[in-house]
Amino acid sequence: MGSYISKNLISGEEVILSAKNHWANFFSSNFLAYLFNSNEYAITNKRIIAKEGIISRRIVEINLSKIESVNVDQGIIGRILGFGSFTIIGTGGTRETFHQIENPVKIKRTFQELVS
């Protein structure tokens, strides 16, 4: 697990699942982030945390109780190679999308198990 997430866990919070960008991201415009392994994604028992960026940062933290759904988008190449995008839809219409993440279906399944 990456340093940002481990340093920012709150009292009683445990990481249930961590994820990173898929190796196919190396071939995209975001390949520097892949090379430096700077993007971090995790589902904890309390929230979903995403940190992206090397120099500039984008950090998204949403409490599980404030999330309405997690959607997954995978094209045929993504299904074959095991990557895709996932979108978090929060209460009030908040929408955050993360691209080329390894095993997004597992992320969705883990979220559903935690909230049910």
N, C-alpha and C. Protein backbone atom coordinates (compact mmCIF):
# COMPACT_ATOMS: atom_id res chain seq x y z
N MET A 1 0.85 -1.18 0.00
CA MET A 1 0.00 0.00 0.00
C MET A 1 0.89 1.23 0.00
N GLY A 2 0.41 2.26 -0.64
CA GLY A 2 1.19 3.48 -0.79
C GLY A 2 1.28 4.31 0.46
N SER A 3 2.15 5.27 0.42
CA SER A 3 2.43 6.07 1.60
C SER A 3 1.32 7.05 1.96
N TYR A 4 0.68 7.67 0.97
CA TYR A 4 -0.37 8.64 1.30
C TYR A 4 -1.48 7.98 2.11
N ILE A 5 -1.96 6.85 1.63
CA ILE A 5 -3.09 6.19 2.29
C ILE A 5 -2.69 5.71 3.67
N SER A 6 -1.55 5.06 3.79
CA SER A 6 -1.14 4.55 5.10
C SER A 6 -0.93 5.67 6.11
N LYS A 7 -0.49 6.83 5.66
CA LYS A 7 -0.26 7.96 6.57
C LYS A 7 -1.54 8.69 6.94
N ASN A 8 -2.62 8.46 6.21
CA ASN A 8 -3.84 9.23 6.43
C ASN A 8 -5.04 8.40 6.87
N LEU A 9 -4.79 7.22 7.40
CA LEU A 9 -5.88 6.43 7.98
C LEU A 9 -6.30 7.05 9.29
N ILE A 10 -7.60 7.03 9.55
CA ILE A 10 -8.10 7.59 10.80
C ILE A 10 -8.24 6.48 11.84
N SER A 11 -8.52 6.84 13.05
CA SER A 11 -8.61 5.89 14.16
C SER A 11 -9.65 4.80 13.84
N GLY A 12 -9.25 3.55 13.96
CA GLY A 12 -10.15 2.43 13.71
C GLY A 12 -10.34 2.08 12.25
N GLU A 13 -9.63 2.73 11.37
CA GLU A 13 -9.79 2.48 9.94
C GLU A 13 -8.79 1.43 9.46
N GLU A 14 -9.27 0.49 8.65
CA GLU A 14 -8.44 -0.58 8.11
C GLU A 14 -8.61 -0.64 6.60
N VAL A 15 -7.53 -0.88 5.89
CA VAL A 15 -7.61 -1.04 4.44
C VAL A 15 -8.15 -2.44 4.13
N ILE A 16 -9.22 -2.47 3.34
CA ILE A 16 -9.83 -3.74 2.93
C ILE A 16 -9.26 -4.17 1.58
N LEU A 17 -9.08 -3.21 0.67
CA LEU A 17 -8.59 -3.49 -0.67
C LEU A 17 -7.79 -2.30 -1.17
N SER A 18 -6.62 -2.55 -1.71
CA SER A 18 -5.87 -1.47 -2.36
C SER A 18 -5.70 -1.84 -3.83
N ALA A 19 -5.57 -0.81 -4.66
CA ALA A 19 -5.45 -1.03 -6.10
C ALA A 19 -4.47 -0.01 -6.66
N LYS A 20 -4.04 -0.27 -7.88
CA LYS A 20 -3.14 0.65 -8.57
C LYS A 20 -3.53 0.69 -10.04
N ASN A 21 -2.86 1.55 -10.77
CA ASN A 21 -3.10 1.60 -12.20
C ASN A 21 -2.58 0.33 -12.86
N HIS A 22 -3.27 -0.11 -13.87
CA HIS A 22 -2.88 -1.30 -14.62
C HIS A 22 -1.64 -0.99 -15.45
N TRP A 23 -0.84 -2.01 -15.76
CA TRP A 23 0.38 -1.79 -16.55
C TRP A 23 0.08 -1.21 -17.93
N ALA A 24 -1.14 -1.37 -18.44
CA ALA A 24 -1.51 -0.80 -19.73
C ALA A 24 -1.45 0.73 -19.69
N ASN A 25 -1.51 1.30 -18.49
CA ASN A 25 -1.40 2.75 -18.32
C ASN A 25 -0.05 3.27 -18.80
N PHE A 26 0.95 2.39 -18.87
CA PHE A 26 2.27 2.76 -19.36
C PHE A 26 2.20 3.31 -20.79
N PHE A 27 1.22 2.84 -21.55
CA PHE A 27 1.09 3.25 -22.95
C PHE A 27 0.18 4.46 -23.14
N SER A 28 -0.31 5.03 -22.05
CA SER A 28 -1.22 6.18 -22.15
C SER A 28 -0.46 7.48 -21.92
N SER A 29 -1.18 8.57 -21.97
CA SER A 29 -0.58 9.88 -21.72
C SER A 29 -0.19 10.05 -20.26
N ASN A 30 -0.65 9.16 -19.41
CA ASN A 30 -0.38 9.24 -17.97
C ASN A 30 0.74 8.28 -17.57
N PHE A 31 1.63 7.94 -18.50
CA PHE A 31 2.64 6.92 -18.24
C PHE A 31 3.64 7.32 -17.17
N LEU A 32 3.91 8.62 -16.98
CA LEU A 32 4.84 9.03 -15.92
C LEU A 32 4.30 8.66 -14.54
N ALA A 33 3.00 8.84 -14.36
CA ALA A 33 2.39 8.45 -13.09
C ALA A 33 2.54 6.95 -12.87
N TYR A 34 2.42 6.18 -13.95
CA TYR A 34 2.60 4.73 -13.82
C TYR A 34 4.05 4.40 -13.46
N LEU A 35 5.00 5.04 -14.12
CA LEU A 35 6.42 4.76 -13.87
C LEU A 35 6.81 5.04 -12.42
N PHE A 36 6.28 6.14 -11.88
CA PHE A 36 6.63 6.50 -10.50
C PHE A 36 5.65 5.94 -9.48
N ASN A 37 4.70 5.13 -9.93
CA ASN A 37 3.74 4.48 -9.04
C ASN A 37 3.12 5.46 -8.05
N SER A 38 2.74 6.63 -8.54
CA SER A 38 2.28 7.69 -7.66
C SER A 38 0.77 7.64 -7.37
N ASN A 39 0.02 6.90 -8.14
CA ASN A 39 -1.42 6.83 -7.92
C ASN A 39 -1.74 5.72 -6.92
N GLU A 40 -2.61 6.03 -5.98
CA GLU A 40 -3.01 5.08 -4.95
C GLU A 40 -4.53 5.07 -4.83
N TYR A 41 -5.08 3.88 -4.67
CA TYR A 41 -6.52 3.71 -4.52
C TYR A 41 -6.75 2.68 -3.42
N ALA A 42 -7.73 2.93 -2.55
CA ALA A 42 -8.02 1.96 -1.49
C ALA A 42 -9.47 2.08 -1.06
N ILE A 43 -9.99 0.94 -0.63
CA ILE A 43 -11.27 0.90 0.05
C ILE A 43 -10.96 0.48 1.48
N THR A 44 -11.42 1.28 2.42
CA THR A 44 -11.24 0.95 3.83
C THR A 44 -12.61 0.58 4.40
N ASN A 45 -12.64 0.25 5.67
CA ASN A 45 -13.91 -0.05 6.30
C ASN A 45 -14.76 1.20 6.53
N LYS A 46 -14.21 2.39 6.18
CA LYS A 46 -14.95 3.64 6.39
C LYS A 46 -15.13 4.50 5.15
N ARG A 47 -14.23 4.37 4.15
CA ARG A 47 -14.29 5.27 3.00
C ARG A 47 -13.53 4.70 1.81
N ILE A 48 -13.70 5.36 0.68
CA ILE A 48 -12.89 5.10 -0.51
C ILE A 48 -11.93 6.27 -0.63
N ILE A 49 -10.65 5.94 -0.84
CA ILE A 49 -9.60 6.97 -0.94
C ILE A 49 -8.88 6.80 -2.27
N ALA A 50 -8.69 7.91 -2.97
CA ALA A 50 -7.91 7.90 -4.22
C ALA A 50 -6.97 9.09 -4.21
N LYS A 51 -5.71 8.82 -4.54
CA LYS A 51 -4.72 9.88 -4.66
C LYS A 51 -4.03 9.70 -6.00
N GLU A 52 -4.07 10.74 -6.83
CA GLU A 52 -3.44 10.69 -8.14
C GLU A 52 -2.50 11.87 -8.30
N GLY A 53 -1.40 11.65 -9.00
CA GLY A 53 -0.51 12.74 -9.35
C GLY A 53 0.88 12.62 -8.79
N ILE A 54 1.82 13.24 -9.51
CA ILE A 54 3.22 13.26 -9.09
C ILE A 54 3.54 14.63 -8.50
N ILE A 55 3.42 15.65 -9.31
CA ILE A 55 3.73 17.01 -8.86
C ILE A 55 2.45 17.68 -8.35
N SER A 56 1.45 17.73 -9.20
CA SER A 56 0.15 18.20 -8.73
C SER A 56 -0.63 16.97 -8.27
N ARG A 57 -1.50 17.16 -7.29
CA ARG A 57 -2.23 16.03 -6.72
C ARG A 57 -3.72 16.22 -6.86
N ARG A 58 -4.38 15.10 -6.98
CA ARG A 58 -5.85 15.04 -6.91
C ARG A 58 -6.17 13.99 -5.87
N ILE A 59 -6.85 14.39 -4.81
CA ILE A 59 -7.20 13.47 -3.73
C ILE A 59 -8.71 13.46 -3.57
N VAL A 60 -9.27 12.25 -3.57
CA VAL A 60 -10.71 12.07 -3.38
C VAL A 60 -10.89 11.12 -2.21
N GLU A 61 -11.67 11.53 -1.23
CA GLU A 61 -11.99 10.68 -0.09
C GLU A 61 -13.50 10.81 0.15
N ILE A 62 -14.19 9.69 0.04
CA ILE A 62 -15.65 9.71 0.20
C ILE A 62 -16.03 8.64 1.21
N ASN A 63 -16.78 9.03 2.23
CA ASN A 63 -17.26 8.07 3.23
C ASN A 63 -18.19 7.07 2.57
N LEU A 64 -18.09 5.81 2.99
CA LEU A 64 -18.93 4.77 2.40
C LEU A 64 -20.41 5.09 2.53
N SER A 65 -20.79 5.71 3.64
CA SER A 65 -22.20 6.04 3.86
C SER A 65 -22.72 7.11 2.90
N LYS A 66 -21.82 7.83 2.23
CA LYS A 66 -22.20 8.90 1.30
C LYS A 66 -22.13 8.45 -0.16
N ILE A 67 -21.89 7.17 -0.40
CA ILE A 67 -21.79 6.66 -1.76
C ILE A 67 -23.07 5.92 -2.13
N GLU A 68 -23.66 6.32 -3.25
CA GLU A 68 -24.87 5.65 -3.74
C GLU A 68 -24.53 4.42 -4.56
N SER A 69 -23.49 4.52 -5.42
CA SER A 69 -23.12 3.37 -6.23
C SER A 69 -21.70 3.52 -6.77
N VAL A 70 -21.16 2.38 -7.20
CA VAL A 70 -19.88 2.34 -7.87
C VAL A 70 -20.12 1.64 -9.20
N ASN A 71 -19.82 2.33 -10.30
CA ASN A 71 -20.03 1.78 -11.64
C ASN A 71 -18.69 1.42 -12.27
N VAL A 72 -18.69 0.40 -13.11
CA VAL A 72 -17.49 -0.06 -13.80
C VAL A 72 -17.71 0.03 -15.29
N ASP A 73 -16.70 0.51 -16.01
CA ASP A 73 -16.70 0.53 -17.48
C ASP A 73 -15.45 -0.20 -17.96
N GLN A 74 -15.67 -1.20 -18.82
CA GLN A 74 -14.56 -1.95 -19.40
C GLN A 74 -14.85 -2.20 -20.87
N GLY A 75 -13.90 -1.85 -21.71
CA GLY A 75 -13.99 -2.22 -23.11
C GLY A 75 -13.49 -3.65 -23.27
N ILE A 76 -13.46 -4.12 -24.50
CA ILE A 76 -13.04 -5.50 -24.73
C ILE A 76 -11.59 -5.73 -24.34
N ILE A 77 -10.71 -4.78 -24.65
CA ILE A 77 -9.29 -4.92 -24.27
C ILE A 77 -9.16 -4.90 -22.75
N GLY A 78 -9.90 -4.04 -22.10
CA GLY A 78 -9.89 -3.98 -20.64
C GLY A 78 -10.37 -5.27 -20.01
N ARG A 79 -11.39 -5.88 -20.58
CA ARG A 79 -11.87 -7.17 -20.05
C ARG A 79 -10.83 -8.26 -20.23
N ILE A 80 -10.17 -8.26 -21.37
CA ILE A 80 -9.16 -9.29 -21.63
C ILE A 80 -7.95 -9.10 -20.71
N LEU A 81 -7.50 -7.86 -20.56
CA LEU A 81 -6.28 -7.59 -19.80
C LEU A 81 -6.53 -7.31 -18.31
N GLY A 82 -7.79 -7.12 -17.93
CA GLY A 82 -8.12 -6.94 -16.52
C GLY A 82 -8.02 -5.52 -16.00
N PHE A 83 -8.41 -4.53 -16.80
CA PHE A 83 -8.43 -3.15 -16.32
C PHE A 83 -9.68 -2.45 -16.81
N GLY A 84 -9.94 -1.29 -16.24
CA GLY A 84 -11.10 -0.50 -16.64
C GLY A 84 -11.20 0.75 -15.79
N SER A 85 -12.33 1.40 -15.92
CA SER A 85 -12.61 2.61 -15.15
C SER A 85 -13.68 2.30 -14.12
N PHE A 86 -13.60 2.98 -12.99
CA PHE A 86 -14.71 2.90 -12.06
C PHE A 86 -15.13 4.31 -11.68
N THR A 87 -16.42 4.48 -11.50
CA THR A 87 -17.01 5.78 -11.17
C THR A 87 -17.73 5.65 -9.84
N ILE A 88 -17.42 6.55 -8.94
CA ILE A 88 -18.11 6.62 -7.65
C ILE A 88 -19.18 7.69 -7.78
N ILE A 89 -20.41 7.32 -7.48
CA ILE A 89 -21.52 8.28 -7.49
C ILE A 89 -21.96 8.46 -6.04
N GLY A 90 -21.80 9.67 -5.56
CA GLY A 90 -22.14 9.98 -4.18
C GLY A 90 -23.49 10.64 -4.05
N THR A 91 -23.91 10.79 -2.82
CA THR A 91 -25.17 11.48 -2.57
C THR A 91 -25.05 12.92 -3.06
N GLY A 92 -26.12 13.44 -3.59
CA GLY A 92 -26.10 14.80 -4.13
C GLY A 92 -25.55 14.87 -5.54
N GLY A 93 -25.30 13.73 -6.17
CA GLY A 93 -24.86 13.73 -7.56
C GLY A 93 -23.36 13.83 -7.76
N THR A 94 -22.58 13.78 -6.69
CA THR A 94 -21.12 13.80 -6.83
C THR A 94 -20.69 12.61 -7.68
N ARG A 95 -19.79 12.87 -8.65
CA ARG A 95 -19.34 11.81 -9.56
C ARG A 95 -17.84 11.93 -9.75
N GLU A 96 -17.11 10.87 -9.40
CA GLU A 96 -15.66 10.83 -9.56
C GLU A 96 -15.30 9.58 -10.35
N THR A 97 -14.51 9.74 -11.42
CA THR A 97 -14.13 8.62 -12.27
C THR A 97 -12.62 8.46 -12.25
N PHE A 98 -12.19 7.19 -12.20
CA PHE A 98 -10.77 6.83 -12.19
C PHE A 98 -10.54 5.83 -13.31
N HIS A 99 -9.52 6.09 -14.14
CA HIS A 99 -9.30 5.33 -15.37
C HIS A 99 -8.13 4.37 -15.27
N GLN A 100 -8.22 3.30 -16.06
CA GLN A 100 -7.18 2.28 -16.21
C GLN A 100 -6.69 1.73 -14.87
N ILE A 101 -7.65 1.33 -14.06
CA ILE A 101 -7.38 0.75 -12.75
C ILE A 101 -7.42 -0.77 -12.88
N GLU A 102 -6.51 -1.46 -12.21
CA GLU A 102 -6.52 -2.91 -12.27
C GLU A 102 -7.75 -3.45 -11.54
N ASN A 103 -8.36 -4.44 -12.15
CA ASN A 103 -9.49 -5.19 -11.58
C ASN A 103 -10.60 -4.32 -10.97
N PRO A 104 -11.24 -3.48 -11.77
CA PRO A 104 -12.29 -2.61 -11.24
C PRO A 104 -13.52 -3.38 -10.76
N VAL A 105 -13.74 -4.56 -11.30
CA VAL A 105 -14.89 -5.37 -10.86
C VAL A 105 -14.70 -5.78 -9.40
N LYS A 106 -13.47 -6.10 -9.02
CA LYS A 106 -13.18 -6.45 -7.62
C LYS A 106 -13.42 -5.25 -6.70
N ILE A 107 -13.11 -4.06 -7.17
CA ILE A 107 -13.37 -2.85 -6.39
C ILE A 107 -14.87 -2.71 -6.15
N LYS A 108 -15.65 -2.87 -7.20
CA LYS A 108 -17.11 -2.76 -7.07
C LYS A 108 -17.65 -3.82 -6.12
N ARG A 109 -17.20 -5.06 -6.27
CA ARG A 109 -17.67 -6.16 -5.42
C ARG A 109 -17.31 -5.90 -3.96
N THR A 110 -16.10 -5.43 -3.70
CA THR A 110 -15.67 -5.15 -2.33
C THR A 110 -16.53 -4.06 -1.72
N PHE A 111 -16.82 -3.01 -2.49
CA PHE A 111 -17.69 -1.94 -2.01
C PHE A 111 -19.07 -2.50 -1.64
N GLN A 112 -19.64 -3.31 -2.53
CA GLN A 112 -20.97 -3.87 -2.28
C GLN A 112 -20.99 -4.75 -1.03
N GLU A 113 -19.93 -5.52 -0.81
CA GLU A 113 -19.85 -6.37 0.38
C GLU A 113 -19.78 -5.54 1.65
N LEU A 114 -19.08 -4.41 1.60
CA LEU A 114 -18.94 -3.58 2.79
C LEU A 114 -20.23 -2.87 3.18
N VAL A 115 -21.01 -2.46 2.21
CA VAL A 115 -22.20 -1.68 2.52
C VAL A 115 -23.46 -2.54 2.69
N SER A 116 -23.38 -3.82 2.39
CA SER A 116 -24.59 -4.65 2.55
C SER A 116 -24.56 -5.42 3.84
